[in-house]
C-alpha atoms as a PDB file:
ATOM      1  CA  MET A   1     119.968 119.255  90.447  1.00  0.00           C
ATOM      2  CA  SER A   2     116.442 118.274  91.533  1.00  0.00           C
ATOM      3  CA  ILE A   3     113.872 121.300  92.144  1.00  0.00           C
ATOM      4  CA  PRO A   4     111.821 120.864  95.037  1.00  0.00           C
ATOM      5  CA  GLN A   5     107.933 120.579  94.154  1.00  0.00           C
ATOM      6  CA  ILE A   6     105.117 120.438  95.715  1.00  0.00           C
ATOM      7  CA  PRO A   7     103.350 116.855  95.010  1.00  0.00           C
ATOM      8  CA  LYS A   8     100.036 116.051  93.549  1.00  0.00           C
ATOM      9  CA  PRO A   9      97.052 115.650  95.924  1.00  0.00           C
ATOM     10  CA  ALA A  10      96.308 112.137  96.836  1.00  0.00           C
ATOM     11  CA  LYS A  11      93.146 109.940  97.325  1.00  0.00           C
ATOM     12  CA  ARG A  12      92.616 109.699 101.006  1.00  0.00           C
ATOM     13  CA  ILE A  13      91.680 106.012 102.146  1.00  0.00           C
ATOM     14  CA  ILE A  14      90.733 104.722 105.468  1.00  0.00           C
ATOM     15  CA  GLY A  15      90.541 101.021 106.319  1.00  0.00           C
ATOM     16  CA  LEU A  16      88.676  99.714 109.175  1.00  0.00           C
ATOM     17  CA  PHE A  17      88.311  96.205 110.883  1.00  0.00           C
ATOM     18  CA  MET A  18      86.112  95.177 113.928  1.00  0.00           C
ATOM     19  CA  ARG A  19      83.866  92.497 115.163  1.00  0.00           C
ATOM     20  CA  GLU A  20      80.959  94.244 115.505  1.00  0.00           C
ATOM     21  CA  LYS A  21      79.921  95.534 111.919  1.00  0.00           C
ATOM     22  CA  VAL A  22      77.200  97.918 113.355  1.00  0.00           C
ATOM     23  CA  LEU A  23      80.242 100.206 114.294  1.00  0.00           C
ATOM     24  CA  LEU A  24      80.535 100.938 110.544  1.00  0.00           C
ATOM     25  CA  LYS A  25      78.061 103.578 110.457  1.00  0.00           C
ATOM     26  CA  PRO A  26      78.932 105.781 113.314  1.00  0.00           C
ATOM     27  CA  VAL A  27      82.918 105.428 113.106  1.00  0.00           C
ATOM     28  CA  ALA A  28      82.048 106.395 109.460  1.00  0.00           C
ATOM     29  CA  ASP A  29      80.161 109.510 110.348  1.00  0.00           C
ATOM     30  CA  ASP A  30      82.751 110.462 112.558  1.00  0.00           C
ATOM     31  CA  LEU A  31      85.331 110.047 109.594  1.00  0.00           C
ATOM     32  CA  VAL A  32      83.113 111.993 107.302  1.00  0.00           C
ATOM     33  CA  GLU A  33      83.054 115.293 110.015  1.00  0.00           C
ATOM     34  CA  SER A  34      86.663 114.916 110.123  1.00  0.00           C
ATOM     35  CA  PHE A  35      87.507 114.419 106.067  1.00  0.00           C
ATOM     36  CA  GLY A  36      84.748 115.422 104.233  1.00  0.00           C
ATOM     37  CA  PRO A  37      82.259 112.482 102.215  1.00  0.00           C
ATOM     38  CA  VAL A  38      83.391 109.022 101.252  1.00  0.00           C
ATOM     39  CA  ASP A  39      82.656 108.639  97.792  1.00  0.00           C
ATOM     40  CA  MET A  40      83.479 104.582  97.715  1.00  0.00           C
ATOM     41  CA  VAL A  41      83.049 101.917 100.321  1.00  0.00           C
ATOM     42  CA  SER A  42      84.573  98.550  99.758  1.00  0.00           C
ATOM     43  CA  PRO A  43      82.770  95.151 100.451  1.00  0.00           C
ATOM     44  CA  TRP A  44      83.168  93.508 103.593  1.00  0.00           C
ATOM     45  CA  PHE A  45      86.596  91.542 103.620  1.00  0.00           C
ATOM     46  CA  PRO A  46      87.298  88.797 105.889  1.00  0.00           C
ATOM     47  CA  PHE A  47      90.285  89.568 108.158  1.00  0.00           C
ATOM     48  CA  ASP A  48      91.289  85.998 108.912  1.00  0.00           C
ATOM     49  CA  GLN A  49      95.225  86.384 107.789  1.00  0.00           C
ATOM     50  CA  THR A  50      96.676  87.344 111.474  1.00  0.00           C
ATOM     51  CA  THR A  51      95.360  86.481 115.156  1.00  0.00           C
ATOM     52  CA  TYR A  52      97.739  89.545 116.237  1.00  0.00           C
ATOM     53  CA  TYR A  53      94.569  91.185 117.438  1.00  0.00           C
ATOM     54  CA  GLU A  54      92.112  88.508 118.637  1.00  0.00           C
ATOM     55  CA  SER A  55      92.801  89.325 122.447  1.00  0.00           C
ATOM     56  CA  GLU A  56      92.219  92.717 121.913  1.00  0.00           C
ATOM     57  CA  THR A  57      89.201  92.754 119.619  1.00  0.00           C
ATOM     58  CA  GLY A  58      87.730  89.309 119.620  1.00  0.00           C
ATOM     59  CA  THR A  59      87.013  87.448 116.274  1.00  0.00           C
ATOM     60  CA  PRO A  60      85.797  86.873 113.809  1.00  0.00           C
ATOM     61  CA  LEU A  61      87.065  90.344 112.280  1.00  0.00           C
ATOM     62  CA  PHE A  62      85.928  92.136 109.250  1.00  0.00           C
ATOM     63  CA  ARG A  63      87.582  94.913 106.923  1.00  0.00           C
ATOM     64  CA  ARG A  64      86.041  97.600 105.086  1.00  0.00           C
ATOM     65  CA  MET A  65      87.886 100.189 103.288  1.00  0.00           C
ATOM     66  CA  LEU A  66      86.488 104.001 102.816  1.00  0.00           C
ATOM     67  CA  THR A  67      87.792 106.450 100.328  1.00  0.00           C
ATOM     68  CA  PHE A  68      87.258 109.937 100.327  1.00  0.00           C
ATOM     69  CA  LYS A  69      85.757 112.503  97.881  1.00  0.00           C
ATOM     70  CA  ASN A  70      88.298 115.374  98.801  1.00  0.00           C
ATOM     71  CA  LEU A  71      91.680 115.082  97.600  1.00  0.00           C
ATOM     72  CA  THR A  72      94.585 115.227 100.213  1.00  0.00           C
ATOM     73  CA  GLN A  73      98.068 116.388 100.550  1.00  0.00           C
ATOM     74  CA  GLN A  74     100.494 113.451 100.937  1.00  0.00           C
ATOM     75  CA  ASP A  75     102.250 115.265 104.073  1.00  0.00           C
ATOM     76  CA  MET A  76      98.621 115.621 105.977  1.00  0.00           C
ATOM     77  CA  LEU A  77      99.548 111.729 106.540  1.00  0.00           C
ATOM     78  CA  PRO A  78     100.643 112.640 110.262  1.00  0.00           C
ATOM     79  CA  GLU A  79      97.541 114.516 111.109  1.00  0.00           C
ATOM     80  CA  THR A  80      95.353 111.869 109.469  1.00  0.00           C
ATOM     81  CA  LYS A  81      96.663 109.336 111.765  1.00  0.00           C
ATOM     82  CA  LEU A  82      96.426 111.527 114.944  1.00  0.00           C
ATOM     83  CA  VAL A  83      92.663 111.742 113.994  1.00  0.00           C
ATOM     84  CA  THR A  84      92.012 108.190 113.516  1.00  0.00           C
ATOM     85  CA  ASN A  85      93.787 107.288 116.595  1.00  0.00           C
ATOM     86  CA  ALA A  86      91.490 109.440 118.737  1.00  0.00           C
ATOM     87  CA  LEU A  87      88.751 107.713 116.917  1.00  0.00           C
ATOM     88  CA  GLU A  88      89.999 104.453 118.064  1.00  0.00           C
ATOM     89  CA  GLY A  89      90.150 105.466 121.692  1.00  0.00           C
ATOM     90  CA  LYS A  90      86.647 106.876 121.388  1.00  0.00           C
ATOM     91  CA  TYR A  91      85.373 103.583 120.091  1.00  0.00           C
ATOM     92  CA  SER A  92      87.488 101.480 122.939  1.00  0.00           C
ATOM     93  CA  GLU A  93      86.270  99.741 125.923  1.00  0.00           C
ATOM     94  CA  LYS A  94      88.060  98.946 129.016  1.00  0.00           C
ATOM     95  CA  GLY A  95      91.373  99.768 127.512  1.00  0.00           C
ATOM     96  CA  ARG A  96      90.389  97.446 124.368  1.00  0.00           C
ATOM     97  CA  ARG A  97      89.641  99.170 120.859  1.00  0.00           C
ATOM     98  CA  LYS A  98      86.819  97.710 119.228  1.00  0.00           C
ATOM     99  CA  VAL A  99      87.911  99.244 115.858  1.00  0.00           C
ATOM    100  CA  ASN A 100      91.180  99.098 113.969  1.00  0.00           C
ATOM    101  CA  ILE A 101      91.638 102.233 111.808  1.00  0.00           C
ATOM    102  CA  ASP A 102      94.230 102.267 109.247  1.00  0.00           C
ATOM    103  CA  PRO A 103      94.507 105.361 107.497  1.00  0.00           C
ATOM    104  CA  GLY A 104      96.724 106.009 104.224  1.00  0.00           C
ATOM    105  CA  TYR A 105      96.646 107.497 100.627  1.00  0.00           C
ATOM    106  CA  LEU A 106      96.814 106.646  96.934  1.00  0.00           C
ATOM    107  CA  VAL A 107      98.558 107.888  94.572  1.00  0.00           C
ATOM    108  CA  PRO A 108      99.298 106.255  90.819  1.00  0.00           C
ATOM    109  CA  GLU A 109     102.584 105.234  92.072  1.00  0.00           C
ATOM    110  CA  ARG A 110     101.810 103.946  95.291  1.00  0.00           C
ATOM    111  CA  PHE A 111      99.726 103.097  98.231  1.00  0.00           C
ATOM    112  CA  VAL A 112     101.006 104.119 101.504  1.00  0.00           C
ATOM    113  CA  LEU A 113      99.672 103.497 105.195  1.00  0.00           C
ATOM    114  CA  ALA A 114     100.439 105.481 108.259  1.00  0.00           C
ATOM    115  CA  THR A 115     101.565 103.645 111.696  1.00  0.00           C
ATOM    116  CA  GLY A 116     102.949 104.937 114.892  1.00  0.00           C
ATOM    117  CA  LYS A 117     105.385 101.772 114.652  1.00  0.00           C
ATOM    118  CA  ASN A 118     109.075 102.163 112.983  1.00  0.00           C
ATOM    119  CA  PHE A 119     110.598  99.527 111.190  1.00  0.00           C
ATOM    120  CA  THR A 120     113.405  99.327 108.531  1.00  0.00           C
ATOM    121  CA  HIS A 121     110.995 100.079 105.693  1.00  0.00           C
ATOM    122  CA  ARG A 122     109.219 102.778 107.354  1.00  0.00           C
ATOM    123  CA  LEU A 123     110.195 106.527 106.708  1.00  0.00           C
ATOM    124  CA  TYR A 124     109.322 108.726 109.738  1.00  0.00           C
ATOM    125  CA  VAL A 125     106.801 111.704 108.639  1.00  0.00           C
ATOM    126  CA  GLY A 126     106.757 113.614 112.195  1.00  0.00           C
ATOM    127  CA  GLN A 127     104.426 113.754 114.852  1.00  0.00           C
ATOM    128  CA  GLY A 128     105.420 110.240 116.164  1.00  0.00           C
ATOM    129  CA  ILE A 129     104.208 108.657 112.483  1.00  0.00           C
ATOM    130  CA  TYR A 130     105.787 106.469 110.059  1.00  0.00           C
ATOM    131  CA  ALA A 131     104.748 106.207 106.234  1.00  0.00           C
ATOM    132  CA  ASP A 132     104.733 102.421 105.540  1.00  0.00           C
ATOM    133  CA  LEU A 133     105.121 101.497 101.659  1.00  0.00           C
ATOM    134  CA  THR A 134     102.402  98.933 101.584  1.00  0.00           C
ATOM    135  CA  LEU A 135     102.068  98.577  97.434  1.00  0.00           C
ATOM    136  CA  ILE A 136     103.814  99.859  94.125  1.00  0.00           C
ATOM    137  CA  TYR A 137     101.989 100.110  90.924  1.00  0.00           C
ATOM    138  CA  THR A 138     103.863  98.592  88.283  1.00  0.00           C
ATOM    139  CA  LYS A 139     103.857  96.540  85.422  1.00  0.00           C
ATOM    140  CA  GLY A 140      99.763  97.302  85.222  1.00  0.00           C
ATOM    141  CA  GLY A 141      99.029  96.797  88.305  1.00  0.00           C
ATOM    142  CA  PHE A 142      99.847  96.738  92.595  1.00  0.00           C
ATOM    143  CA  GLN A 143     102.402  94.462  93.585  1.00  0.00           C
ATOM    144  CA  LYS A 144     102.917  93.238  97.271  1.00  0.00           C
ATOM    145  CA  LEU A 145     106.342  94.103  98.836  1.00  0.00           C
ATOM    146  CA  PRO A 146     108.113  91.723 101.237  1.00  0.00           C
ATOM    147  CA  TRP A 147     106.419  93.239 104.280  1.00  0.00           C
ATOM    148  CA  THR A 148     103.101  93.885 102.868  1.00  0.00           C
ATOM    149  CA  TYR A 149     100.581  93.059 105.057  1.00  0.00           C
ATOM    150  CA  PRO A 150      98.523  89.593 103.837  1.00  0.00           C
ATOM    151  CA  ASP A 151      95.111  91.216 103.894  1.00  0.00           C
ATOM    152  CA  TYR A 152      96.362  94.000 101.689  1.00  0.00           C
ATOM    153  CA  ALA A 153      98.047  91.576  99.052  1.00  0.00           C
ATOM    154  CA  ASP A 154      94.563  89.653  98.791  1.00  0.00           C
ATOM    155  CA  LYS A 155      93.295  89.492  95.165  1.00  0.00           C
ATOM    156  CA  ASN A 156      89.922  91.131  96.089  1.00  0.00           C
ATOM    157  CA  MET A 157      91.646  94.072  97.892  1.00  0.00           C
ATOM    158  CA  LEU A 158      94.096  94.708  95.101  1.00  0.00           C
ATOM    159  CA  ALA A 159      91.073  94.655  92.671  1.00  0.00           C
ATOM    160  CA  TYR A 160      89.224  97.256  95.006  1.00  0.00           C
ATOM    161  CA  LEU A 161      92.236  99.659  95.030  1.00  0.00           C
ATOM    162  CA  GLU A 162      92.477  99.319  91.127  1.00  0.00           C
ATOM    163  CA  ARG A 163      88.928 100.605  91.238  1.00  0.00           C
ATOM    164  CA  VAL A 164      90.249 103.256  93.624  1.00  0.00           C
ATOM    165  CA  ARG A 165      93.120 104.330  91.856  1.00  0.00           C
ATOM    166  CA  ARG A 166      90.969 104.709  88.659  1.00  0.00           C
ATOM    167  CA  ARG A 167      88.533 107.238  90.347  1.00  0.00           C
ATOM    168  CA  TYR A 168      91.534 108.647  91.871  1.00  0.00           C
ATOM    169  CA  ILE A 169      92.864 109.316  88.288  1.00  0.00           C
ATOM    170  CA  HIS A 170      89.692 110.680  87.150  1.00  0.00           C
ATOM    171  CA  ASP A 171      89.122 113.010  90.301  1.00  0.00           C
ATOM    172  CA  LEU A 172      92.639 114.367  89.798  1.00  0.00           C
ATOM    173  CA  LYS A 173      91.913 115.255  85.960  1.00  0.00           C
ATOM    174  CA  LYS A 174      89.111 116.948  87.287  1.00  0.00           C
ATOM    175  CA  ALA A 175      90.892 118.821  90.036  1.00  0.00           C
ATOM    176  CA  VAL A 176      93.711 120.387  87.566  1.00  0.00           C
ATOM    177  CA  SER A 177      91.430 121.243  84.838  1.00  0.00           C
END
């Protein structure tokens, strides 16, 4: 028999992509107000693996990842997604998003994103939100899955997530000691 246990807290990661890089500062300020201080910021990544968002956001698109100093419980994923959805609405114009915000979390074993869209590999976690298992950590690195979005499987993104994972493990050790 397995005994239920509260999982270790996770490292909150929020990906943003936008055409107007100037939006990063006000959106990041709003995220800090909701989730506490940022401790790591990725370089800008080109976001050119899909044309899905072009009609709404325009082009070219750029992605940036933010991680947060305060660790979060894994079951806070729906609440995080609802906050970021509200921010997407705040930064919309005439019903079109100017920024897309992808919240998620990282633990030693995996990287998970939140979505409002159901699919075969997504698990319902409450409040209309699904958890998307985006990457798994095995054999010394993050491994993509058949459904992993190409921008999250990019070697530069994987290198950034490796740095985040190292920071998270360091933060977790400090939190439990």
